[in-house]
Amino acid sequence: MPAPDIFNFDDSNLATYDPKKINRVLSEQPALYINHLRIARSIAGWADRLDADATTSGAEFQRGYAKALREIAAHLRQADYVEGGPMIVEH
């Protein structure tokens, strides 16, 4: 069975991507992580569209915004926002 396209991303650019961690998260919190991958795919597409349109007077801002969106997508793909993830702050 082929893998869903949400798993088609380059993990070599992700600072803390750990396949063992991802396998654990997929076992313990599959619905949440798959949802995060869908969101990350959408956010990455948004960033790509911003880059493609970055020819206007606000191009520098758009490139910075696209970079920030890619950072969020990376955190989602690294499972940083699942329960117990490093980006979850308990108050």
PDB file of N, CA and C in Angstrom:
ATOM      1  N   MET A   1       0.846  -1.174   0.000  1.00  0.00           N
ATOM      2  CA  MET A   1       0.000   0.000   0.000  1.00  0.00           C
ATOM      3  C   MET A   1       0.895   1.240   0.000  1.00  0.00           C
ATOM      4  N   PRO A   2       0.683   2.167  -0.922  1.00  0.00           N
ATOM      5  CA  PRO A   2       1.522   3.371  -0.972  1.00  0.00           C
ATOM      6  C   PRO A   2       1.257   4.283   0.219  1.00  0.00           C
ATOM      7  N   ALA A   3       2.283   5.012   0.615  1.00  0.00           N
ATOM      8  CA  ALA A   3       2.147   5.954   1.729  1.00  0.00           C
ATOM      9  C   ALA A   3       1.352   7.173   1.268  1.00  0.00           C
ATOM     10  N   PRO A   4       0.498   7.716   2.132  1.00  0.00           N
ATOM     11  CA  PRO A   4      -0.233   8.939   1.784  1.00  0.00           C
ATOM     12  C   PRO A   4       0.745  10.080   1.488  1.00  0.00           C
ATOM     13  N   ASP A   5       0.326  11.011   0.643  1.00  0.00           N
ATOM     14  CA  ASP A   5       1.223  12.100   0.242  1.00  0.00           C
ATOM     15  C   ASP A   5       1.616  13.020   1.390  1.00  0.00           C
ATOM     16  N   ILE A   6       0.919  12.958   2.508  1.00  0.00           N
ATOM     17  CA  ILE A   6       1.312  13.796   3.647  1.00  0.00           C
ATOM     18  C   ILE A   6       2.676  13.394   4.200  1.00  0.00           C
ATOM     19  N   PHE A   7       3.127  12.184   3.862  1.00  0.00           N
ATOM     20  CA  PHE A   7       4.447  11.723   4.293  1.00  0.00           C
ATOM     21  C   PHE A   7       5.542  12.067   3.283  1.00  0.00           C
ATOM     22  N   ASN A   8       5.185  12.701   2.186  1.00  0.00           N
ATOM     23  CA  ASN A   8       6.156  13.077   1.152  1.00  0.00           C
ATOM     24  C   ASN A   8       6.734  14.455   1.446  1.00  0.00           C
ATOM     25  N   PHE A   9       7.742  14.488   2.280  1.00  0.00           N
ATOM     26  CA  PHE A   9       8.453  15.735   2.562  1.00  0.00           C
ATOM     27  C   PHE A   9       9.910  15.389   2.834  1.00  0.00           C
ATOM     28  N   ASP A  10      10.758  16.380   2.669  1.00  0.00           N
ATOM     29  CA  ASP A  10      12.198  16.193   2.851  1.00  0.00           C
ATOM     30  C   ASP A  10      12.537  16.401   4.322  1.00  0.00           C
ATOM     31  N   ASP A  11      12.818  15.326   5.035  1.00  0.00           N
ATOM     32  CA  ASP A  11      13.130  15.451   6.462  1.00  0.00           C
ATOM     33  C   ASP A  11      14.573  15.868   6.724  1.00  0.00           C
ATOM     34  N   SER A  12      15.398  15.957   5.685  1.00  0.00           N
ATOM     35  CA  SER A  12      16.801  16.338   5.889  1.00  0.00           C
ATOM     36  C   SER A  12      16.951  17.802   6.309  1.00  0.00           C
ATOM     37  N   ASN A  13      15.939  18.614   6.050  1.00  0.00           N
ATOM     38  CA  ASN A  13      15.987  20.027   6.449  1.00  0.00           C
ATOM     39  C   ASN A  13      15.316  20.280   7.791  1.00  0.00           C
ATOM     40  N   LEU A  14      14.868  19.232   8.453  1.00  0.00           N
ATOM     41  CA  LEU A  14      14.187  19.386   9.734  1.00  0.00           C
ATOM     42  C   LEU A  14      15.200  19.189  10.861  1.00  0.00           C
ATOM     43  N   ALA A  15      15.338  20.191  11.693  1.00  0.00           N
ATOM     44  CA  ALA A  15      16.409  20.221  12.696  1.00  0.00           C
ATOM     45  C   ALA A  15      16.362  19.059  13.678  1.00  0.00           C
ATOM     46  N   THR A  16      15.180  18.674  14.128  1.00  0.00           N
ATOM     47  CA  THR A  16      15.096  17.644  15.165  1.00  0.00           C
ATOM     48  C   THR A  16      14.232  16.460  14.748  1.00  0.00           C
ATOM     49  N   TYR A  17      14.152  16.201  13.455  1.00  0.00           N
ATOM     50  CA  TYR A  17      13.351  15.066  12.985  1.00  0.00           C
ATOM     51  C   TYR A  17      14.035  13.768  13.393  1.00  0.00           C
ATOM     52  N   ASP A  18      13.288  12.918  14.095  1.00  0.00           N
ATOM     53  CA  ASP A  18      13.813  11.646  14.581  1.00  0.00           C
ATOM     54  C   ASP A  18      12.829  10.540  14.201  1.00  0.00           C
ATOM     55  N   PRO A  19      13.188   9.680  13.263  1.00  0.00           N
ATOM     56  CA  PRO A  19      12.264   8.627  12.828  1.00  0.00           C
ATOM     57  C   PRO A  19      11.750   7.748  13.974  1.00  0.00           C
ATOM     58  N   LYS A  20      12.576   7.493  14.977  1.00  0.00           N
ATOM     59  CA  LYS A  20      12.127   6.684  16.118  1.00  0.00           C
ATOM     60  C   LYS A  20      11.022   7.405  16.883  1.00  0.00           C
ATOM     61  N   LYS A  21      11.205   8.709  17.081  1.00  0.00           N
ATOM     62  CA  LYS A  21      10.181   9.514  17.755  1.00  0.00           C
ATOM     63  C   LYS A  21       8.892   9.512  16.931  1.00  0.00           C
ATOM     64  N   ILE A  22       9.021   9.676  15.625  1.00  0.00           N
ATOM     65  CA  ILE A  22       7.845   9.712  14.752  1.00  0.00           C
ATOM     66  C   ILE A  22       7.109   8.378  14.801  1.00  0.00           C
ATOM     67  N   ASN A  23       7.828   7.270  14.778  1.00  0.00           N
ATOM     68  CA  ASN A  23       7.183   5.953  14.877  1.00  0.00           C
ATOM     69  C   ASN A  23       6.431   5.808  16.190  1.00  0.00           C
ATOM     70  N   ARG A  24       7.021   6.305  17.277  1.00  0.00           N
ATOM     71  CA  ARG A  24       6.347   6.244  18.583  1.00  0.00           C
ATOM     72  C   ARG A  24       5.079   7.086  18.563  1.00  0.00           C
ATOM     73  N   VAL A  25       5.185   8.306  18.039  1.00  0.00           N
ATOM     74  CA  VAL A  25       4.028   9.202  17.982  1.00  0.00           C
ATOM     75  C   VAL A  25       2.936   8.604  17.089  1.00  0.00           C
ATOM     76  N   LEU A  26       3.331   8.015  15.964  1.00  0.00           N
ATOM     77  CA  LEU A  26       2.340   7.379  15.084  1.00  0.00           C
ATOM     78  C   LEU A  26       1.638   6.217  15.778  1.00  0.00           C
ATOM     79  N   SER A  27       2.322   5.564  16.681  1.00  0.00           N
ATOM     80  CA  SER A  27       1.724   4.468  17.435  1.00  0.00           C
ATOM     81  C   SER A  27       0.814   4.984  18.547  1.00  0.00           C
ATOM     82  N   GLU A  28       1.244   6.046  19.242  1.00  0.00           N
ATOM     83  CA  GLU A  28       0.523   6.545  20.409  1.00  0.00           C
ATOM     84  C   GLU A  28      -0.539   7.597  20.088  1.00  0.00           C
ATOM     85  N   GLN A  29      -0.287   8.429  19.079  1.00  0.00           N
ATOM     86  CA  GLN A  29      -1.189   9.540  18.761  1.00  0.00           C
ATOM     87  C   GLN A  29      -1.370   9.675  17.242  1.00  0.00           C
ATOM     88  N   PRO A  30      -1.778   8.602  16.577  1.00  0.00           N
ATOM     89  CA  PRO A  30      -1.797   8.635  15.114  1.00  0.00           C
ATOM     90  C   PRO A  30      -2.710   9.703  14.522  1.00  0.00           C
ATOM     91  N   ALA A  31      -3.908   9.850  15.038  1.00  0.00           N
ATOM     92  CA  ALA A  31      -4.846  10.819  14.453  1.00  0.00           C
ATOM     93  C   ALA A  31      -4.316  12.238  14.578  1.00  0.00           C
ATOM     94  N   LEU A  32      -3.754  12.567  15.731  1.00  0.00           N
ATOM     95  CA  LEU A  32      -3.234  13.914  15.946  1.00  0.00           C
ATOM     96  C   LEU A  32      -2.050  14.199  15.027  1.00  0.00           C
ATOM     97  N   TYR A  33      -1.110  13.270  14.953  1.00  0.00           N
ATOM     98  CA  TYR A  33       0.070  13.506  14.120  1.00  0.00           C
ATOM     99  C   TYR A  33      -0.296  13.573  12.636  1.00  0.00           C
ATOM    100  N   ILE A  34      -1.176  12.705  12.183  1.00  0.00           N
ATOM    101  CA  ILE A  34      -1.600  12.759  10.779  1.00  0.00           C
ATOM    102  C   ILE A  34      -2.289  14.083  10.488  1.00  0.00           C
ATOM    103  N   ASN A  35      -3.092  14.562  11.430  1.00  0.00           N
ATOM    104  CA  ASN A  35      -3.707  15.881  11.269  1.00  0.00           C
ATOM    105  C   ASN A  35      -2.637  16.959  11.169  1.00  0.00           C
ATOM    106  N   HIS A  36      -1.600  16.864  11.985  1.00  0.00           N
ATOM    107  CA  HIS A  36      -0.506  17.839  11.933  1.00  0.00           C
ATOM    108  C   HIS A  36       0.213  17.785  10.588  1.00  0.00           C
ATOM    109  N   LEU A  37       0.368  16.594  10.032  1.00  0.00           N
ATOM    110  CA  LEU A  37       1.002  16.484   8.716  1.00  0.00           C
ATOM    111  C   LEU A  37       0.146  17.132   7.633  1.00  0.00           C
ATOM    112  N   ARG A  38      -1.164  16.983   7.742  1.00  0.00           N
ATOM    113  CA  ARG A  38      -2.059  17.636   6.770  1.00  0.00           C
ATOM    114  C   ARG A  38      -1.953  19.152   6.880  1.00  0.00           C
ATOM    115  N   ILE A  39      -1.936  19.647   8.106  1.00  0.00           N
ATOM    116  CA  ILE A  39      -1.800  21.092   8.318  1.00  0.00           C
ATOM    117  C   ILE A  39      -0.452  21.570   7.786  1.00  0.00           C
ATOM    118  N   ALA A  40       0.608  20.824   8.066  1.00  0.00           N
ATOM    119  CA  ALA A  40       1.953  21.200   7.596  1.00  0.00           C
ATOM    120  C   ALA A  40       2.000  21.262   6.076  1.00  0.00           C
ATOM    121  N   ARG A  41       1.376  20.303   5.414  1.00  0.00           N
ATOM    122  CA  ARG A  41       1.339  20.308   3.944  1.00  0.00           C
ATOM    123  C   ARG A  41       0.647  21.571   3.438  1.00  0.00           C
ATOM    124  N   SER A  42      -0.458  21.928   4.057  1.00  0.00           N
ATOM    125  CA  SER A  42      -1.196  23.126   3.660  1.00  0.00           C
ATOM    126  C   SER A  42      -0.376  24.389   3.902  1.00  0.00           C
ATOM    127  N   ILE A  43       0.267  24.467   5.060  1.00  0.00           N
ATOM    128  CA  ILE A  43       1.092  25.631   5.396  1.00  0.00           C
ATOM    129  C   ILE A  43       2.281  25.744   4.445  1.00  0.00           C
ATOM    130  N   ALA A  44       2.907  24.626   4.117  1.00  0.00           N
ATOM    131  CA  ALA A  44       4.044  24.651   3.185  1.00  0.00           C
ATOM    132  C   ALA A  44       3.602  25.136   1.807  1.00  0.00           C
ATOM    133  N   GLY A  45       2.424  24.734   1.379  1.00  0.00           N
ATOM    134  CA  GLY A  45       1.890  25.216   0.108  1.00  0.00           C
ATOM    135  C   GLY A  45       1.632  26.711   0.137  1.00  0.00           C
ATOM    136  N   TRP A  46       1.136  27.195   1.263  1.00  0.00           N
ATOM    137  CA  TRP A  46       0.910  28.629   1.455  1.00  0.00           C
ATOM    138  C   TRP A  46       2.240  29.374   1.328  1.00  0.00           C
ATOM    139  N   ALA A  47       3.273  28.849   1.981  1.00  0.00           N
ATOM    140  CA  ALA A  47       4.600  29.478   1.913  1.00  0.00           C
ATOM    141  C   ALA A  47       5.124  29.491   0.478  1.00  0.00           C
ATOM    142  N   ASP A  48       4.930  28.403  -0.236  1.00  0.00           N
ATOM    143  CA  ASP A  48       5.371  28.350  -1.639  1.00  0.00           C
ATOM    144  C   ASP A  48       4.660  29.403  -2.482  1.00  0.00           C
ATOM    145  N   ARG A  49       3.364  29.577  -2.249  1.00  0.00           N
ATOM    146  CA  ARG A  49       2.614  30.591  -3.006  1.00  0.00           C
ATOM    147  C   ARG A  49       3.095  31.994  -2.663  1.00  0.00           C
ATOM    148  N   LEU A  50       3.425  32.233  -1.399  1.00  0.00           N
ATOM    149  CA  LEU A  50       3.964  33.544  -1.017  1.00  0.00           C
ATOM    150  C   LEU A  50       5.284  33.804  -1.731  1.00  0.00           C
ATOM    151  N   ASP A  51       6.145  32.793  -1.774  1.00  0.00           N
ATOM    152  CA  ASP A  51       7.428  32.945  -2.473  1.00  0.00           C
ATOM    153  C   ASP A  51       7.218  33.239  -3.954  1.00  0.00           C
ATOM    154  N   ALA A  52       6.261  32.565  -4.557  1.00  0.00           N
ATOM    155  CA  ALA A  52       5.999  32.764  -5.983  1.00  0.00           C
ATOM    156  C   ALA A  52       5.482  34.169  -6.268  1.00  0.00           C
ATOM    157  N   ASP A  53       4.780  34.756  -5.293  1.00  0.00           N
ATOM    158  CA  ASP A  53       4.210  36.096  -5.468  1.00  0.00           C
ATOM    159  C   ASP A  53       5.102  37.190  -4.897  1.00  0.00           C
ATOM    160  N   ALA A  54       6.294  36.851  -4.437  1.00  0.00           N
ATOM    161  CA  ALA A  54       7.162  37.817  -3.750  1.00  0.00           C
ATOM    162  C   ALA A  54       7.894  38.728  -4.731  1.00  0.00           C
ATOM    163  N   THR A  55       7.161  39.284  -5.658  1.00  0.00           N
ATOM    164  CA  THR A  55       7.760  40.215  -6.620  1.00  0.00           C
ATOM    165  C   THR A  55       7.201  41.620  -6.453  1.00  0.00           C
ATOM    166  N   THR A  56       6.355  41.805  -5.456  1.00  0.00           N
ATOM    167  CA  THR A  56       5.736  43.107  -5.224  1.00  0.00           C
ATOM    168  C   THR A  56       6.602  43.944  -4.298  1.00  0.00           C
ATOM    169  N   SER A  57       6.117  45.122  -3.948  1.00  0.00           N
ATOM    170  CA  SER A  57       6.883  46.013  -3.072  1.00  0.00           C
ATOM    171  C   SER A  57       7.077  45.424  -1.674  1.00  0.00           C
ATOM    172  N   GLY A  58       6.230  44.499  -1.258  1.00  0.00           N
ATOM    173  CA  GLY A  58       6.368  43.863   0.048  1.00  0.00           C
ATOM    174  C   GLY A  58       7.053  42.513  -0.026  1.00  0.00           C
ATOM    175  N   ALA A  59       7.907  42.322  -1.014  1.00  0.00           N
ATOM    176  CA  ALA A  59       8.529  41.015  -1.245  1.00  0.00           C
ATOM    177  C   ALA A  59       9.366  40.546  -0.062  1.00  0.00           C
ATOM    178  N   GLU A  60      10.111  41.447   0.551  1.00  0.00           N
ATOM    179  CA  GLU A  60      10.958  41.048   1.686  1.00  0.00           C
ATOM    180  C   GLU A  60      10.094  40.551   2.843  1.00  0.00           C
ATOM    181  N   PHE A  61       9.006  41.258   3.109  1.00  0.00           N
ATOM    182  CA  PHE A  61       8.083  40.829   4.159  1.00  0.00           C
ATOM    183  C   PHE A  61       7.502  39.459   3.816  1.00  0.00           C
ATOM    184  N   GLN A  62       7.086  39.284   2.564  1.00  0.00           N
ATOM    185  CA  GLN A  62       6.503  38.011   2.147  1.00  0.00           C
ATOM    186  C   GLN A  62       7.493  36.861   2.303  1.00  0.00           C
ATOM    187  N   ARG A  63       8.746  37.086   1.967  1.00  0.00           N
ATOM    188  CA  ARG A  63       9.760  36.030   2.125  1.00  0.00           C
ATOM    189  C   ARG A  63       9.949  35.682   3.604  1.00  0.00           C
ATOM    190  N   GLY A  64       9.952  36.694   4.467  1.00  0.00           N
ATOM    191  CA  GLY A  64      10.067  36.433   5.899  1.00  0.00           C
ATOM    192  C   GLY A  64       8.865  35.684   6.441  1.00  0.00           C
ATOM    193  N   TYR A  65       7.694  36.060   5.958  1.00  0.00           N
ATOM    194  CA  TYR A  65       6.463  35.386   6.369  1.00  0.00           C
ATOM    195  C   TYR A  65       6.485  33.928   5.905  1.00  0.00           C
ATOM    196  N   ALA A  66       6.922  33.705   4.676  1.00  0.00           N
ATOM    197  CA  ALA A  66       7.017  32.344   4.143  1.00  0.00           C
ATOM    198  C   ALA A  66       7.999  31.511   4.969  1.00  0.00           C
ATOM    199  N   LYS A  67       9.100  32.116   5.380  1.00  0.00           N
ATOM    200  CA  LYS A  67      10.083  31.400   6.208  1.00  0.00           C
ATOM    201  C   LYS A  67       9.461  31.003   7.544  1.00  0.00           C
ATOM    202  N   ALA A  68       8.702  31.917   8.147  1.00  0.00           N
ATOM    203  CA  ALA A  68       8.038  31.617   9.419  1.00  0.00           C
ATOM    204  C   ALA A  68       7.020  30.487   9.248  1.00  0.00           C
ATOM    205  N   LEU A  69       6.283  30.510   8.158  1.00  0.00           N
ATOM    206  CA  LEU A  69       5.326  29.431   7.897  1.00  0.00           C
ATOM    207  C   LEU A  69       6.040  28.091   7.763  1.00  0.00           C
ATOM    208  N   ARG A  70       7.178  28.085   7.099  1.00  0.00           N
ATOM    209  CA  ARG A  70       7.939  26.833   6.948  1.00  0.00           C
ATOM    210  C   ARG A  70       8.457  26.326   8.299  1.00  0.00           C
ATOM    211  N   GLU A  71       8.799  27.244   9.186  1.00  0.00           N
ATOM    212  CA  GLU A  71       9.234  26.840  10.533  1.00  0.00           C
ATOM    213  C   GLU A  71       8.090  26.147  11.276  1.00  0.00           C
ATOM    214  N   ILE A  72       6.890  26.694  11.157  1.00  0.00           N
ATOM    215  CA  ILE A  72       5.729  26.075  11.800  1.00  0.00           C
ATOM    216  C   ILE A  72       5.489  24.690  11.209  1.00  0.00           C
ATOM    217  N   ALA A  73       5.536  24.594   9.885  1.00  0.00           N
ATOM    218  CA  ALA A  73       5.343  23.293   9.230  1.00  0.00           C
ATOM    219  C   ALA A  73       6.394  22.291   9.703  1.00  0.00           C
ATOM    220  N   ALA A  74       7.628  22.743   9.860  1.00  0.00           N
ATOM    221  CA  ALA A  74       8.698  21.854  10.330  1.00  0.00           C
ATOM    222  C   ALA A  74       8.394  21.336  11.733  1.00  0.00           C
ATOM    223  N   HIS A  75       7.961  22.216  12.620  1.00  0.00           N
ATOM    224  CA  HIS A  75       7.624  21.780  13.981  1.00  0.00           C
ATOM    225  C   HIS A  75       6.486  20.761  13.966  1.00  0.00           C
ATOM    226  N   LEU A  76       5.501  20.981  13.115  1.00  0.00           N
ATOM    227  CA  LEU A  76       4.402  20.020  13.015  1.00  0.00           C
ATOM    228  C   LEU A  76       4.904  18.673  12.508  1.00  0.00           C
ATOM    229  N   ARG A  77       5.768  18.678  11.522  1.00  0.00           N
ATOM    230  CA  ARG A  77       6.298  17.428  10.956  1.00  0.00           C
ATOM    231  C   ARG A  77       7.229  16.706  11.920  1.00  0.00           C
ATOM    232  N   GLN A  78       7.873  17.437  12.797  1.00  0.00           N
ATOM    233  CA  GLN A  78       8.780  16.850  13.794  1.00  0.00           C
ATOM    234  C   GLN A  78       8.016  16.346  15.015  1.00  0.00           C
ATOM    235  N   ALA A  79       6.694  16.478  15.002  1.00  0.00           N
ATOM    236  CA  ALA A  79       5.831  16.060  16.117  1.00  0.00           C
ATOM    237  C   ALA A  79       6.095  16.885  17.372  1.00  0.00           C
ATOM    238  N   ASP A  80       6.454  18.142  17.187  1.00  0.00           N
ATOM    239  CA  ASP A  80       6.744  19.008  18.326  1.00  0.00           C
ATOM    240  C   ASP A  80       5.490  19.508  19.040  1.00  0.00           C
ATOM    241  N   TYR A  81       4.322  19.405  18.383  1.00  0.00           N
ATOM    242  CA  TYR A  81       3.085  19.907  18.982  1.00  0.00           C
ATOM    243  C   TYR A  81       2.119  18.806  19.402  1.00  0.00           C
ATOM    244  N   VAL A  82       2.565  17.567  19.454  1.00  0.00           N
ATOM    245  CA  VAL A  82       1.720  16.499  19.986  1.00  0.00           C
ATOM    246  C   VAL A  82       1.828  16.522  21.507  1.00  0.00           C
ATOM    247  N   GLU A  83       0.943  15.789  22.167  1.00  0.00           N
ATOM    248  CA  GLU A  83       1.012  15.707  23.625  1.00  0.00           C
ATOM    249  C   GLU A  83       2.392  15.219  24.046  1.00  0.00           C
ATOM    250  N   GLY A  84       3.022  15.943  24.946  1.00  0.00           N
ATOM    251  CA  GLY A  84       4.362  15.605  25.399  1.00  0.00           C
ATOM    252  C   GLY A  84       5.464  16.164  24.525  1.00  0.00           C
ATOM    253  N   GLY A  85       5.092  16.852  23.446  1.00  0.00           N
ATOM    254  CA  GLY A  85       6.080  17.434  22.541  1.00  0.00           C
ATOM    255  C   GLY A  85       6.755  18.650  23.148  1.00  0.00           C
ATOM    256  N   PRO A  86       7.924  19.008  22.647  1.00  0.00           N
ATOM    257  CA  PRO A  86       8.700  20.103  23.236  1.00  0.00           C
ATOM    258  C   PRO A  86       8.071  21.489  23.088  1.00  0.00           C
ATOM    259  N   MET A  87       7.134  21.665  22.167  1.00  0.00           N
ATOM    260  CA  MET A  87       6.516  22.979  21.990  1.00  0.00           C
ATOM    261  C   MET A  87       5.241  23.139  22.815  1.00  0.00           C
ATOM    262  N   ILE A  88       4.814  22.081  23.485  1.00  0.00           N
ATOM    263  CA  ILE A  88       3.620  22.151  24.327  1.00  0.00           C
ATOM    264  C   ILE A  88       4.043  22.653  25.701  1.00  0.00           C
ATOM    265  N   VAL A  89       3.512  23.802  26.068  1.00  0.00           N
ATOM    266  CA  VAL A  89       3.839  24.410  27.359  1.00  0.00           C
ATOM    267  C   VAL A  89       2.639  24.220  28.280  1.00  0.00           C
ATOM    268  N   GLU A  90       2.852  23.533  29.359  1.00  0.00           N
ATOM    269  CA  GLU A  90       1.795  23.321  30.353  1.00  0.00           C
ATOM    270  C   GLU A  90       1.787  24.488  31.329  1.00  0.00           C
ATOM    271  N   HIS A  91       0.623  25.042  31.546  1.00  0.00           N
ATOM    272  CA  HIS A  91       0.500  26.162  32.506  1.00  0.00           C
ATOM    273  C   HIS A  91      -0.217  25.712  33.742  1.00  0.00           C
TER     274      HIS A  91
END
